[in-house]
Structure formats: structure tokens, C-alpha cells
Amino acid sequence: LEEKRLWSSSNSHHSLMNFMGMGLKDIYEARLKLEGIGLLKVYVNKDEETRSFIYELLPPLTPEQFFLDGMLNIYLYKKLGKNQFMGLKRFFSDQKVQPARGYKEVTKAFQDVFQSG
């Protein structure tokens, strides 16, 4: 992917292998893991002689979304065990910032900062 662009020009899997320093089998296995955890969508176009792929990277879940996802949090629980899992859950489940007594929020809205016209 080109810097600061949402789309890149077409490249071969060989280019990806060189860029990543990985073999095709390792790239495929990593791809499956990324698909499985919802970080990658894959599209394929097959014609008579070639196959072309589009890889769409997706943003990770927030900690709250992750721990509410039944499959992901159970998988992590089984991998880490109860104590480590609960420690991570507590670490990533911080409450929203509560301002100290006497403070009031003065955050500006988008339209207060930017003008359209």
C-alpha cells in the first residue's frame, strides 16, 4: 500500500513475498489468521489464465468490542488461562476519564473550529 493512500497499484504475490520477507505458504497462513480475526477481507477474480486478489485491511476492534465478541474473547481465554485473561480484561476496561471536581468540559465541536465555505 502506498503511503497515505487507500488503494495501491497492482502488485504480484512475489512482490509481497519480497516486501514481507516471507514465503507464499507463510503469507497464506498469516492471511487466514487475519481473515479469521476480522482484520482482512479478501476478494478474488478468476479468469482463464490468472487469479487476481484484492486485500482490504480492516481496523482492529476496540478493547470493549473485543471482550464482547464471543469467539475472540473465548479463544484468548483458552490461550492465556483465567488469571492472565482477567488481568488483560481489567487493564483494557478502564473507565472513561472522570474530570476532577470543579472542572467542566470546554471541548470545541467540529463546526466551532472549521468553516465550510
PDB file of N, CA and C in Angstrom:
ATOM      1  N   LEU A   1       0.856  -1.175   0.000  1.00  0.00           N
ATOM      2  CA  LEU A   1       0.000   0.000   0.000  1.00  0.00           C
ATOM      3  C   LEU A   1       0.896   1.230   0.000  1.00  0.00           C
ATOM      4  N   GLU A   2       0.599   2.126  -0.856  1.00  0.00           N
ATOM      5  CA  GLU A   2       1.389   3.347  -0.940  1.00  0.00           C
ATOM      6  C   GLU A   2       1.065   4.250   0.249  1.00  0.00           C
ATOM      7  N   GLU A   3       2.049   4.990   0.682  1.00  0.00           N
ATOM      8  CA  GLU A   3       1.886   5.836   1.862  1.00  0.00           C
ATOM      9  C   GLU A   3       0.759   6.840   1.671  1.00  0.00           C
ATOM     10  N   LYS A   4      -0.098   6.946   2.688  1.00  0.00           N
ATOM     11  CA  LYS A   4      -1.200   7.912   2.738  1.00  0.00           C
ATOM     12  C   LYS A   4      -2.197   7.742   1.598  1.00  0.00           C
ATOM     13  N   ARG A   5      -2.350   6.507   1.111  1.00  0.00           N
ATOM     14  CA  ARG A   5      -3.326   6.224   0.063  1.00  0.00           C
ATOM     15  C   ARG A   5      -4.176   5.056   0.517  1.00  0.00           C
ATOM     16  N   LEU A   6      -5.425   5.042   0.116  1.00  0.00           N
ATOM     17  CA  LEU A   6      -6.315   3.944   0.478  1.00  0.00           C
ATOM     18  C   LEU A   6      -6.193   2.775  -0.484  1.00  0.00           C
ATOM     19  N   TRP A   7      -5.709   3.027  -1.685  1.00  0.00           N
ATOM     20  CA  TRP A   7      -5.531   1.987  -2.690  1.00  0.00           C
ATOM     21  C   TRP A   7      -4.101   2.019  -3.182  1.00  0.00           C
ATOM     22  N   SER A   8      -3.583   0.877  -3.566  1.00  0.00           N
ATOM     23  CA  SER A   8      -2.261   0.841  -4.180  1.00  0.00           C
ATOM     24  C   SER A   8      -2.390   0.280  -5.584  1.00  0.00           C
ATOM     25  N   SER A   9      -1.346   0.424  -6.347  1.00  0.00           N
ATOM     26  CA  SER A   9      -1.347  -0.177  -7.675  1.00  0.00           C
ATOM     27  C   SER A   9      -1.206  -1.691  -7.528  1.00  0.00           C
ATOM     28  N   SER A  10      -1.521  -2.406  -8.585  1.00  0.00           N
ATOM     29  CA  SER A  10      -1.446  -3.869  -8.551  1.00  0.00           C
ATOM     30  C   SER A  10      -0.008  -4.329  -8.378  1.00  0.00           C
ATOM     31  N   ASN A  11       0.155  -5.359  -7.586  1.00  0.00           N
ATOM     32  CA  ASN A  11       1.457  -5.991  -7.387  1.00  0.00           C
ATOM     33  C   ASN A  11       1.278  -7.493  -7.401  1.00  0.00           C
ATOM     34  N   SER A  12       2.356  -8.195  -7.631  1.00  0.00           N
ATOM     35  CA  SER A  12       2.315  -9.657  -7.630  1.00  0.00           C
ATOM     36  C   SER A  12       2.499 -10.175  -6.204  1.00  0.00           C
ATOM     37  N   HIS A  13       2.124 -11.431  -6.001  1.00  0.00           N
ATOM     38  CA  HIS A  13       2.400 -12.044  -4.706  1.00  0.00           C
ATOM     39  C   HIS A  13       3.909 -12.148  -4.494  1.00  0.00           C
ATOM     40  N   HIS A  14       4.661 -12.255  -5.572  1.00  0.00           N
ATOM     41  CA  HIS A  14       6.121 -12.290  -5.457  1.00  0.00           C
ATOM     42  C   HIS A  14       6.636 -10.990  -4.829  1.00  0.00           C
ATOM     43  N   SER A  15       6.059  -9.858  -5.236  1.00  0.00           N
ATOM     44  CA  SER A  15       6.437  -8.567  -4.631  1.00  0.00           C
ATOM     45  C   SER A  15       6.100  -8.551  -3.149  1.00  0.00           C
ATOM     46  N   LEU A  16       4.935  -9.087  -2.803  1.00  0.00           N
ATOM     47  CA  LEU A  16       4.528  -9.157  -1.396  1.00  0.00           C
ATOM     48  C   LEU A  16       5.486 -10.045  -0.606  1.00  0.00           C
ATOM     49  N   MET A  17       5.899 -11.162  -1.210  1.00  0.00           N
ATOM     50  CA  MET A  17       6.845 -12.066  -0.553  1.00  0.00           C
ATOM     51  C   MET A  17       8.162 -11.345  -0.258  1.00  0.00           C
ATOM     52  N   ASN A  18       8.654 -10.591  -1.238  1.00  0.00           N
ATOM     53  CA  ASN A  18       9.905  -9.844  -1.039  1.00  0.00           C
ATOM     54  C   ASN A  18       9.739  -8.762   0.018  1.00  0.00           C
ATOM     55  N   PHE A  19       8.638  -8.034  -0.042  1.00  0.00           N
ATOM     56  CA  PHE A  19       8.378  -6.958   0.908  1.00  0.00           C
ATOM     57  C   PHE A  19       8.284  -7.490   2.331  1.00  0.00           C
ATOM     58  N   MET A  20       7.585  -8.608   2.501  1.00  0.00           N
ATOM     59  CA  MET A  20       7.360  -9.174   3.827  1.00  0.00           C
ATOM     60  C   MET A  20       8.506 -10.062   4.297  1.00  0.00           C
ATOM     61  N   GLY A  21       9.365 -10.491   3.365  1.00  0.00           N
ATOM     62  CA  GLY A  21      10.429 -11.422   3.731  1.00  0.00           C
ATOM     63  C   GLY A  21       9.871 -12.766   4.146  1.00  0.00           C
ATOM     64  N   MET A  22       8.787 -13.184   3.494  1.00  0.00           N
ATOM     65  CA  MET A  22       8.095 -14.429   3.832  1.00  0.00           C
ATOM     66  C   MET A  22       7.844 -15.232   2.567  1.00  0.00           C
ATOM     67  N   GLY A  23       7.722 -16.535   2.740  1.00  0.00           N
ATOM     68  CA  GLY A  23       7.339 -17.397   1.639  1.00  0.00           C
ATOM     69  C   GLY A  23       5.837 -17.343   1.421  1.00  0.00           C
ATOM     70  N   LEU A  24       5.409 -17.845   0.266  1.00  0.00           N
ATOM     71  CA  LEU A  24       3.986 -17.797  -0.080  1.00  0.00           C
ATOM     72  C   LEU A  24       3.129 -18.581   0.911  1.00  0.00           C
ATOM     73  N   LYS A  25       3.624 -19.734   1.367  1.00  0.00           N
ATOM     74  CA  LYS A  25       2.864 -20.535   2.336  1.00  0.00           C
ATOM     75  C   LYS A  25       2.668 -19.760   3.644  1.00  0.00           C
ATOM     76  N   ASP A  26       3.730 -19.094   4.114  1.00  0.00           N
ATOM     77  CA  ASP A  26       3.633 -18.311   5.355  1.00  0.00           C
ATOM     78  C   ASP A  26       2.684 -17.126   5.190  1.00  0.00           C
ATOM     79  N   ILE A  27       2.734 -16.482   4.031  1.00  0.00           N
ATOM     80  CA  ILE A  27       1.817 -15.368   3.766  1.00  0.00           C
ATOM     81  C   ILE A  27       0.381 -15.867   3.767  1.00  0.00           C
ATOM     82  N   TYR A  28       0.144 -17.017   3.158  1.00  0.00           N
ATOM     83  CA  TYR A  28      -1.206 -17.584   3.111  1.00  0.00           C
ATOM     84  C   TYR A  28      -1.703 -17.909   4.519  1.00  0.00           C
ATOM     85  N   GLU A  29      -0.854 -18.518   5.335  1.00  0.00           N
ATOM     86  CA  GLU A  29      -1.256 -18.862   6.706  1.00  0.00           C
ATOM     87  C   GLU A  29      -1.542 -17.603   7.528  1.00  0.00           C
ATOM     88  N   ALA A  30      -0.720 -16.572   7.358  1.00  0.00           N
ATOM     89  CA  ALA A  30      -0.964 -15.302   8.059  1.00  0.00           C
ATOM     90  C   ALA A  30      -2.257 -14.668   7.565  1.00  0.00           C
ATOM     91  N   ARG A  31      -2.489 -14.754   6.259  1.00  0.00           N
ATOM     92  CA  ARG A  31      -3.720 -14.212   5.674  1.00  0.00           C
ATOM     93  C   ARG A  31      -4.949 -14.867   6.299  1.00  0.00           C
ATOM     94  N   LEU A  32      -4.914 -16.196   6.439  1.00  0.00           N
ATOM     95  CA  LEU A  32      -6.053 -16.898   7.034  1.00  0.00           C
ATOM     96  C   LEU A  32      -6.309 -16.434   8.462  1.00  0.00           C
ATOM     97  N   LYS A  33      -5.250 -16.225   9.223  1.00  0.00           N
ATOM     98  CA  LYS A  33      -5.414 -15.754  10.604  1.00  0.00           C
ATOM     99  C   LYS A  33      -6.024 -14.355  10.634  1.00  0.00           C
ATOM    100  N   LEU A  34      -5.528 -13.472   9.761  1.00  0.00           N
ATOM    101  CA  LEU A  34      -6.077 -12.109   9.709  1.00  0.00           C
ATOM    102  C   LEU A  34      -7.541 -12.118   9.294  1.00  0.00           C
ATOM    103  N   GLU A  35      -7.895 -12.994   8.342  1.00  0.00           N
ATOM    104  CA  GLU A  35      -9.301 -13.123   7.944  1.00  0.00           C
ATOM    105  C   GLU A  35     -10.132 -13.613   9.121  1.00  0.00           C
ATOM    106  N   GLY A  36      -9.625 -14.629   9.807  1.00  0.00           N
ATOM    107  CA  GLY A  36     -10.366 -15.248  10.895  1.00  0.00           C
ATOM    108  C   GLY A  36     -10.661 -14.311  12.048  1.00  0.00           C
ATOM    109  N   ILE A  37      -9.769 -13.368  12.301  1.00  0.00           N
ATOM    110  CA  ILE A  37      -9.998 -12.432  13.409  1.00  0.00           C
ATOM    111  C   ILE A  37     -10.591 -11.112  12.936  1.00  0.00           C
ATOM    112  N   GLY A  38     -11.010 -11.076  11.673  1.00  0.00           N
ATOM    113  CA  GLY A  38     -11.744  -9.914  11.178  1.00  0.00           C
ATOM    114  C   GLY A  38     -10.900  -8.707  10.823  1.00  0.00           C
ATOM    115  N   LEU A  39      -9.616  -8.920  10.520  1.00  0.00           N
ATOM    116  CA  LEU A  39      -8.750  -7.799  10.162  1.00  0.00           C
ATOM    117  C   LEU A  39      -8.485  -7.698   8.666  1.00  0.00           C
ATOM    118  N   LEU A  40      -8.981  -8.668   7.890  1.00  0.00           N
ATOM    119  CA  LEU A  40      -8.699  -8.680   6.461  1.00  0.00           C
ATOM    120  C   LEU A  40      -9.878  -9.276   5.708  1.00  0.00           C
ATOM    121  N   LYS A  41     -10.280  -8.594   4.638  1.00  0.00           N
ATOM    122  CA  LYS A  41     -11.244  -9.141   3.683  1.00  0.00           C
ATOM    123  C   LYS A  41     -10.481  -9.433   2.405  1.00  0.00           C
ATOM    124  N   VAL A  42     -10.817 -10.549   1.755  1.00  0.00           N
ATOM    125  CA  VAL A  42     -10.120 -10.956   0.538  1.00  0.00           C
ATOM    126  C   VAL A  42     -11.139 -11.156  -0.570  1.00  0.00           C
ATOM    127  N   TYR A  43     -10.838 -10.575  -1.728  1.00  0.00           N
ATOM    128  CA  TYR A  43     -11.677 -10.713  -2.914  1.00  0.00           C
ATOM    129  C   TYR A  43     -10.820 -11.333  -4.010  1.00  0.00           C
ATOM    130  N   VAL A  44     -11.401 -12.241  -4.796  1.00  0.00           N
ATOM    131  CA  VAL A  44     -10.655 -12.885  -5.874  1.00  0.00           C
ATOM    132  C   VAL A  44     -11.413 -12.743  -7.183  1.00  0.00           C
ATOM    133  N   ASN A  45     -10.662 -12.592  -8.261  1.00  0.00           N
ATOM    134  CA  ASN A  45     -11.209 -12.552  -9.613  1.00  0.00           C
ATOM    135  C   ASN A  45     -10.453 -13.603 -10.418  1.00  0.00           C
ATOM    136  N   LYS A  46     -11.165 -14.613 -10.889  1.00  0.00           N
ATOM    137  CA  LYS A  46     -10.540 -15.689 -11.655  1.00  0.00           C
ATOM    138  C   LYS A  46     -10.951 -15.567 -13.113  1.00  0.00           C
ATOM    139  N   ASP A  47      -9.968 -15.581 -13.999  1.00  0.00           N
ATOM    140  CA  ASP A  47     -10.291 -15.730 -15.413  1.00  0.00           C
ATOM    141  C   ASP A  47      -9.581 -16.986 -15.910  1.00  0.00           C
ATOM    142  N   GLU A  48      -9.530 -17.193 -17.220  1.00  0.00           N
ATOM    143  CA  GLU A  48      -8.992 -18.448 -17.743  1.00  0.00           C
ATOM    144  C   GLU A  48      -7.549 -18.705 -17.333  1.00  0.00           C
ATOM    145  N   GLU A  49      -6.747 -17.661 -17.250  1.00  0.00           N
ATOM    146  CA  GLU A  49      -5.315 -17.865 -17.037  1.00  0.00           C
ATOM    147  C   GLU A  49      -4.782 -17.336 -15.709  1.00  0.00           C
ATOM    148  N   THR A  50      -5.469 -16.403 -15.097  1.00  0.00           N
ATOM    149  CA  THR A  50      -4.913 -15.779 -13.889  1.00  0.00           C
ATOM    150  C   THR A  50      -5.960 -15.621 -12.795  1.00  0.00           C
ATOM    151  N   ARG A  51      -5.451 -15.404 -11.611  1.00  0.00           N
ATOM    152  CA  ARG A  51      -6.286 -15.013 -10.474  1.00  0.00           C
ATOM    153  C   ARG A  51      -5.732 -13.708  -9.935  1.00  0.00           C
ATOM    154  N   SER A  52      -6.616 -12.786  -9.644  1.00  0.00           N
ATOM    155  CA  SER A  52      -6.230 -11.509  -9.041  1.00  0.00           C
ATOM    156  C   SER A  52      -6.934 -11.383  -7.701  1.00  0.00           C
ATOM    157  N   PHE A  53      -6.232 -10.790  -6.750  1.00  0.00           N
ATOM    158  CA  PHE A  53      -6.776 -10.632  -5.406  1.00  0.00           C
ATOM    159  C   PHE A  53      -6.802  -9.161  -5.025  1.00  0.00           C
ATOM    160  N   ILE A  54      -7.791  -8.806  -4.228  1.00  0.00           N
ATOM    161  CA  ILE A  54      -7.813  -7.516  -3.540  1.00  0.00           C
ATOM    162  C   ILE A  54      -7.820  -7.835  -2.053  1.00  0.00           C
ATOM    163  N   TYR A  55      -6.899  -7.218  -1.326  1.00  0.00           N
ATOM    164  CA  TYR A  55      -6.822  -7.380   0.119  1.00  0.00           C
ATOM    165  C   TYR A  55      -7.263  -6.076   0.768  1.00  0.00           C
ATOM    166  N   GLU A  56      -8.301  -6.151   1.572  1.00  0.00           N
ATOM    167  CA  GLU A  56      -8.812  -4.969   2.275  1.00  0.00           C
ATOM    168  C   GLU A  56      -8.495  -5.105   3.759  1.00  0.00           C
ATOM    169  N   LEU A  57      -7.619  -4.241   4.242  1.00  0.00           N
ATOM    170  CA  LEU A  57      -7.284  -4.232   5.666  1.00  0.00           C
ATOM    171  C   LEU A  57      -8.394  -3.545   6.441  1.00  0.00           C
ATOM    172  N   LEU A  58      -8.770  -4.124   7.563  1.00  0.00           N
ATOM    173  CA  LEU A  58      -9.837  -3.580   8.402  1.00  0.00           C
ATOM    174  C   LEU A  58      -9.257  -3.131   9.739  1.00  0.00           C
ATOM    175  N   PRO A  59      -9.851  -2.124  10.356  1.00  0.00           N
ATOM    176  CA  PRO A  59      -9.328  -1.658  11.646  1.00  0.00           C
ATOM    177  C   PRO A  59      -9.607  -2.683  12.746  1.00  0.00           C
ATOM    178  N   PRO A  60      -8.729  -2.729  13.738  1.00  0.00           N
ATOM    179  CA  PRO A  60      -8.972  -3.649  14.853  1.00  0.00           C
ATOM    180  C   PRO A  60     -10.158  -3.192  15.693  1.00  0.00           C
ATOM    181  N   LEU A  61     -10.707  -4.129  16.437  1.00  0.00           N
ATOM    182  CA  LEU A  61     -11.794  -3.811  17.361  1.00  0.00           C
ATOM    183  C   LEU A  61     -11.252  -2.987  18.527  1.00  0.00           C
ATOM    184  N   THR A  62     -12.119  -2.222  19.134  1.00  0.00           N
ATOM    185  CA  THR A  62     -11.749  -1.566  20.383  1.00  0.00           C
ATOM    186  C   THR A  62     -11.664  -2.650  21.454  1.00  0.00           C
ATOM    187  N   PRO A  63     -10.981  -2.397  22.566  1.00  0.00           N
ATOM    188  CA  PRO A  63     -10.962  -3.400  23.631  1.00  0.00           C
ATOM    189  C   PRO A  63     -12.368  -3.815  24.072  1.00  0.00           C
ATOM    190  N   GLU A  64     -13.281  -2.863  24.159  1.00  0.00           N
ATOM    191  CA  GLU A  64     -14.654  -3.189  24.563  1.00  0.00           C
ATOM    192  C   GLU A  64     -15.299  -4.133  23.558  1.00  0.00           C
ATOM    193  N   GLN A  65     -15.155  -3.833  22.262  1.00  0.00           N
ATOM    194  CA  GLN A  65     -15.722  -4.698  21.228  1.00  0.00           C
ATOM    195  C   GLN A  65     -15.090  -6.087  21.282  1.00  0.00           C
ATOM    196  N   PHE A  66     -13.771  -6.133  21.494  1.00  0.00           N
ATOM    197  CA  PHE A  66     -13.065  -7.410  21.541  1.00  0.00           C
ATOM    198  C   PHE A  66     -13.596  -8.288  22.670  1.00  0.00           C
ATOM    199  N   PHE A  67     -13.709  -7.720  23.863  1.00  0.00           N
ATOM    200  CA  PHE A  67     -14.133  -8.521  25.007  1.00  0.00           C
ATOM    201  C   PHE A  67     -15.621  -8.851  24.969  1.00  0.00           C
ATOM    202  N   LEU A  68     -16.392  -8.177  24.123  1.00  0.00           N
ATOM    203  CA  LEU A  68     -17.801  -8.528  23.934  1.00  0.00           C
ATOM    204  C   LEU A  68     -17.996  -9.551  22.819  1.00  0.00           C
ATOM    205  N   ASP A  69     -16.963  -9.775  22.013  1.00  0.00           N
ATOM    206  CA  ASP A  69     -17.048 -10.744  20.922  1.00  0.00           C
ATOM    207  C   ASP A  69     -16.876 -12.146  21.492  1.00  0.00           C
ATOM    208  N   GLY A  70     -17.910 -12.962  21.370  1.00  0.00           N
ATOM    209  CA  GLY A  70     -17.902 -14.291  21.967  1.00  0.00           C
ATOM    210  C   GLY A  70     -16.748 -15.168  21.526  1.00  0.00           C
ATOM    211  N   MET A  71     -16.476 -15.222  20.238  1.00  0.00           N
ATOM    212  CA  MET A  71     -15.417 -16.112  19.752  1.00  0.00           C
ATOM    213  C   MET A  71     -14.027 -15.619  20.125  1.00  0.00           C
ATOM    214  N   LEU A  72     -13.769 -14.339  19.920  1.00  0.00           N
ATOM    215  CA  LEU A  72     -12.418 -13.829  20.164  1.00  0.00           C
ATOM    216  C   LEU A  72     -12.039 -13.894  21.635  1.00  0.00           C
ATOM    217  N   ASN A  73     -12.960 -13.489  22.517  1.00  0.00           N
ATOM    218  CA  ASN A  73     -12.570 -13.483  23.927  1.00  0.00           C
ATOM    219  C   ASN A  73     -12.448 -14.904  24.486  1.00  0.00           C
ATOM    220  N   ILE A  74     -13.242 -15.840  23.995  1.00  0.00           N
ATOM    221  CA  ILE A  74     -13.112 -17.234  24.447  1.00  0.00           C
ATOM    222  C   ILE A  74     -11.795 -17.829  23.960  1.00  0.00           C
ATOM    223  N   TYR A  75     -11.429 -17.525  22.713  1.00  0.00           N
ATOM    224  CA  TYR A  75     -10.153 -18.013  22.182  1.00  0.00           C
ATOM    225  C   TYR A  75      -8.989 -17.481  23.018  1.00  0.00           C
ATOM    226  N   LEU A  76      -9.019 -16.190  23.325  1.00  0.00           N
ATOM    227  CA  LEU A  76      -7.959 -15.596  24.140  1.00  0.00           C
ATOM    228  C   LEU A  76      -7.935 -16.218  25.536  1.00  0.00           C
ATOM    229  N   TYR A  77      -9.105 -16.429  26.117  1.00  0.00           N
ATOM    230  CA  TYR A  77      -9.213 -17.051  27.441  1.00  0.00           C
ATOM    231  C   TYR A  77      -8.545 -18.421  27.444  1.00  0.00           C
ATOM    232  N   LYS A  78      -8.836 -19.216  26.417  1.00  0.00           N
ATOM    233  CA  LYS A  78      -8.261 -20.567  26.334  1.00  0.00           C
ATOM    234  C   LYS A  78      -6.756 -20.525  26.103  1.00  0.00           C
ATOM    235  N   LYS A  79      -6.280 -19.518  25.383  1.00  0.00           N
ATOM    236  CA  LYS A  79      -4.842 -19.391  25.121  1.00  0.00           C
ATOM    237  C   LYS A  79      -4.074 -18.936  26.359  1.00  0.00           C
ATOM    238  N   LEU A  80      -4.651 -18.000  27.130  1.00  0.00           N
ATOM    239  CA  LEU A  80      -3.932 -17.381  28.244  1.00  0.00           C
ATOM    240  C   LEU A  80      -4.214 -18.014  29.594  1.00  0.00           C
ATOM    241  N   GLY A  81      -5.391 -18.553  29.765  1.00  0.00           N
ATOM    242  CA  GLY A  81      -5.805 -19.001  31.083  1.00  0.00           C
ATOM    243  C   GLY A  81      -6.547 -17.886  31.805  1.00  0.00           C
ATOM    244  N   LYS A  82      -7.247 -18.279  32.865  1.00  0.00           N
ATOM    245  CA  LYS A  82      -8.137 -17.350  33.552  1.00  0.00           C
ATOM    246  C   LYS A  82      -7.415 -16.124  34.114  1.00  0.00           C
ATOM    247  N   ASN A  83      -6.316 -16.334  34.848  1.00  0.00           N
ATOM    248  CA  ASN A  83      -5.664 -15.212  35.533  1.00  0.00           C
ATOM    249  C   ASN A  83      -5.133 -14.162  34.566  1.00  0.00           C
ATOM    250  N   GLN A  84      -4.409 -14.592  33.534  1.00  0.00           N
ATOM    251  CA  GLN A  84      -3.872 -13.623  32.570  1.00  0.00           C
ATOM    252  C   GLN A  84      -4.993 -12.960  31.782  1.00  0.00           C
ATOM    253  N   PHE A  85      -6.016 -13.734  31.419  1.00  0.00           N
ATOM    254  CA  PHE A  85      -7.146 -13.172  30.681  1.00  0.00           C
ATOM    255  C   PHE A  85      -7.821 -12.074  31.494  1.00  0.00           C
ATOM    256  N   MET A  86      -8.108 -12.364  32.765  1.00  0.00           N
ATOM    257  CA  MET A  86      -8.792 -11.380  33.608  1.00  0.00           C
ATOM    258  C   MET A  86      -7.921 -10.140  33.822  1.00  0.00           C
ATOM    259  N   GLY A  87      -6.608 -10.330  33.934  1.00  0.00           N
ATOM    260  CA  GLY A  87      -5.712  -9.190  34.068  1.00  0.00           C
ATOM    261  C   GLY A  87      -5.752  -8.291  32.836  1.00  0.00           C
ATOM    262  N   LEU A  88      -5.730  -8.905  31.650  1.00  0.00           N
ATOM    263  CA  LEU A  88      -5.828  -8.123  30.414  1.00  0.00           C
ATOM    264  C   LEU A  88      -7.169  -7.421  30.309  1.00  0.00           C
ATOM    265  N   LYS A  89      -8.211  -8.129  30.685  1.00  0.00           N
ATOM    266  CA  LYS A  89      -9.547  -7.539  30.599  1.00  0.00           C
ATOM    267  C   LYS A  89      -9.658  -6.321  31.515  1.00  0.00           C
ATOM    268  N   ARG A  90      -9.127  -6.445  32.731  1.00  0.00           N
ATOM    269  CA  ARG A  90      -9.141  -5.298  33.654  1.00  0.00           C
ATOM    270  C   ARG A  90      -8.298  -4.152  33.096  1.00  0.00           C
ATOM    271  N   PHE A  91      -7.127  -4.480  32.563  1.00  0.00           N
ATOM    272  CA  PHE A  91      -6.227  -3.457  32.029  1.00  0.00           C
ATOM    273  C   PHE A  91      -6.886  -2.665  30.909  1.00  0.00           C
ATOM    274  N   PHE A  92      -7.600  -3.358  30.022  1.00  0.00           N
ATOM    275  CA  PHE A  92      -8.210  -2.697  28.870  1.00  0.00           C
ATOM    276  C   PHE A  92      -9.631  -2.218  29.123  1.00  0.00           C
ATOM    277  N   SER A  93     -10.141  -2.405  30.323  1.00  0.00           N
ATOM    278  CA  SER A  93     -11.507  -1.992  30.633  1.00  0.00           C
ATOM    279  C   SER A  93     -11.540  -0.758  31.514  1.00  0.00           C
ATOM    280  N   ASP A  94     -10.547   0.100  31.363  1.00  0.00           N
ATOM    281  CA  ASP A  94     -10.542   1.341  32.142  1.00  0.00           C
ATOM    282  C   ASP A  94     -11.816   2.125  31.885  1.00  0.00           C
ATOM    283  N   GLN A  95     -12.279   2.782  32.903  1.00  0.00           N
ATOM    284  CA  GLN A  95     -13.462   3.624  32.792  1.00  0.00           C
ATOM    285  C   GLN A  95     -13.105   4.901  32.040  1.00  0.00           C
ATOM    286  N   LYS A  96     -14.127   5.590  31.551  1.00  0.00           N
ATOM    287  CA  LYS A  96     -13.902   6.878  30.902  1.00  0.00           C
ATOM    288  C   LYS A  96     -13.295   7.848  31.906  1.00  0.00           C
ATOM    289  N   VAL A  97     -12.582   8.824  31.382  1.00  0.00           N
ATOM    290  CA  VAL A  97     -11.963   9.842  32.234  1.00  0.00           C
ATOM    291  C   VAL A  97     -13.047  10.604  32.980  1.00  0.00           C
ATOM    292  N   GLN A  98     -12.901  10.681  34.266  1.00  0.00           N
ATOM    293  CA  GLN A  98     -13.813  11.462  35.099  1.00  0.00           C
ATOM    294  C   GLN A  98     -13.058  12.707  35.548  1.00  0.00           C
ATOM    295  N   PRO A  99     -13.489  13.881  35.091  1.00  0.00           N
ATOM    296  CA  PRO A  99     -12.760  15.092  35.481  1.00  0.00           C
ATOM    297  C   PRO A  99     -12.823  15.313  36.992  1.00  0.00           C
ATOM    298  N   ALA A 100     -11.767  15.921  37.481  1.00  0.00           N
ATOM    299  CA  ALA A 100     -11.714  16.229  38.910  1.00  0.00           C
ATOM    300  C   ALA A 100     -12.782  17.261  39.251  1.00  0.00           C
ATOM    301  N   ARG A 101     -13.139  17.312  40.513  1.00  0.00           N
ATOM    302  CA  ARG A 101     -14.168  18.239  40.990  1.00  0.00           C
ATOM    303  C   ARG A 101     -13.805  19.675  40.609  1.00  0.00           C
ATOM    304  N   GLY A 102     -14.797  20.402  40.127  1.00  0.00           N
ATOM    305  CA  GLY A 102     -14.599  21.789  39.764  1.00  0.00           C
ATOM    306  C   GLY A 102     -14.272  22.003  38.291  1.00  0.00           C
ATOM    307  N   TYR A 103     -14.018  20.932  37.557  1.00  0.00           N
ATOM    308  CA  TYR A 103     -13.713  21.058  36.131  1.00  0.00           C
ATOM    309  C   TYR A 103     -14.979  20.893  35.315  1.00  0.00           C
ATOM    310  N   LYS A 104     -15.057  21.639  34.201  1.00  0.00           N
ATOM    311  CA  LYS A 104     -16.154  21.429  33.263  1.00  0.00           C
ATOM    312  C   LYS A 104     -15.551  21.289  31.872  1.00  0.00           C
ATOM    313  N   GLU A 105     -16.200  20.521  31.050  1.00  0.00           N
ATOM    314  CA  GLU A 105     -15.685  20.280  29.701  1.00  0.00           C
ATOM    315  C   GLU A 105     -15.896  21.509  28.830  1.00  0.00           C
ATOM    316  N   VAL A 106     -14.850  21.884  28.084  1.00  0.00           N
ATOM    317  CA  VAL A 106     -14.925  23.032  27.180  1.00  0.00           C
ATOM    318  C   VAL A 106     -14.448  22.654  25.774  1.00  0.00           C
ATOM    319  N   THR A 107     -14.508  21.391  25.439  1.00  0.00           N
ATOM    320  CA  THR A 107     -14.069  20.910  24.129  1.00  0.00           C
ATOM    321  C   THR A 107     -14.903  21.542  23.027  1.00  0.00           C
ATOM    322  N   LYS A 108     -14.231  22.033  21.988  1.00  0.00           N
ATOM    323  CA  LYS A 108     -14.910  22.654  20.847  1.00  0.00           C
ATOM    324  C   LYS A 108     -15.431  21.577  19.898  1.00  0.00           C
ATOM    325  N   ALA A 109     -16.576  21.851  19.274  1.00  0.00           N
ATOM    326  CA  ALA A 109     -17.146  20.966  18.258  1.00  0.00           C
ATOM    327  C   ALA A 109     -16.488  21.253  16.911  1.00  0.00           C
ATOM    328  N   PHE A 110     -16.621  20.344  15.982  1.00  0.00           N
ATOM    329  CA  PHE A 110     -16.037  20.493  14.649  1.00  0.00           C
ATOM    330  C   PHE A 110     -16.409  21.832  14.027  1.00  0.00           C
ATOM    331  N   GLN A 111     -17.704  22.151  14.033  1.00  0.00           N
ATOM    332  CA  GLN A 111     -18.169  23.384  13.386  1.00  0.00           C
ATOM    333  C   GLN A 111     -17.664  24.646  14.090  1.00  0.00           C
ATOM    334  N   ASP A 112     -17.243  24.524  15.347  1.00  0.00           N
ATOM    335  CA  ASP A 112     -16.667  25.669  16.049  1.00  0.00           C
ATOM    336  C   ASP A 112     -15.223  25.934  15.625  1.00  0.00           C
ATOM    337  N   VAL A 113     -14.574  24.912  15.112  1.00  0.00           N
ATOM    338  CA  VAL A 113     -13.161  25.012  14.764  1.00  0.00           C
ATOM    339  C   VAL A 113     -12.942  25.193  13.265  1.00  0.00           C
ATOM    340  N   PHE A 114     -13.765  24.536  12.446  1.00  0.00           N
ATOM    341  CA  PHE A 114     -13.584  24.557  10.997  1.00  0.00           C
ATOM    342  C   PHE A 114     -14.764  25.243  10.323  1.00  0.00           C
ATOM    343  N   GLN A 115     -14.462  25.942   9.230  1.00  0.00           N
ATOM    344  CA  GLN A 115     -15.513  26.609   8.465  1.00  0.00           C
ATOM    345  C   GLN A 115     -15.611  25.961   7.097  1.00  0.00           C
ATOM    346  N   SER A 116     -16.837  25.816   6.599  1.00  0.00           N
ATOM    347  CA  SER A 116     -17.039  25.188   5.284  1.00  0.00           C
ATOM    348  C   SER A 116     -17.556  26.218   4.296  1.00  0.00           C
ATOM    349  N   GLY A 117     -16.669  26.964   3.757  1.00  0.00           N
ATOM    350  CA  GLY A 117     -17.155  27.903   2.761  1.00  0.00           C
ATOM    351  C   GLY A 117     -16.358  29.121   2.579  1.00  0.00           C
TER     352      GLY A 117
END
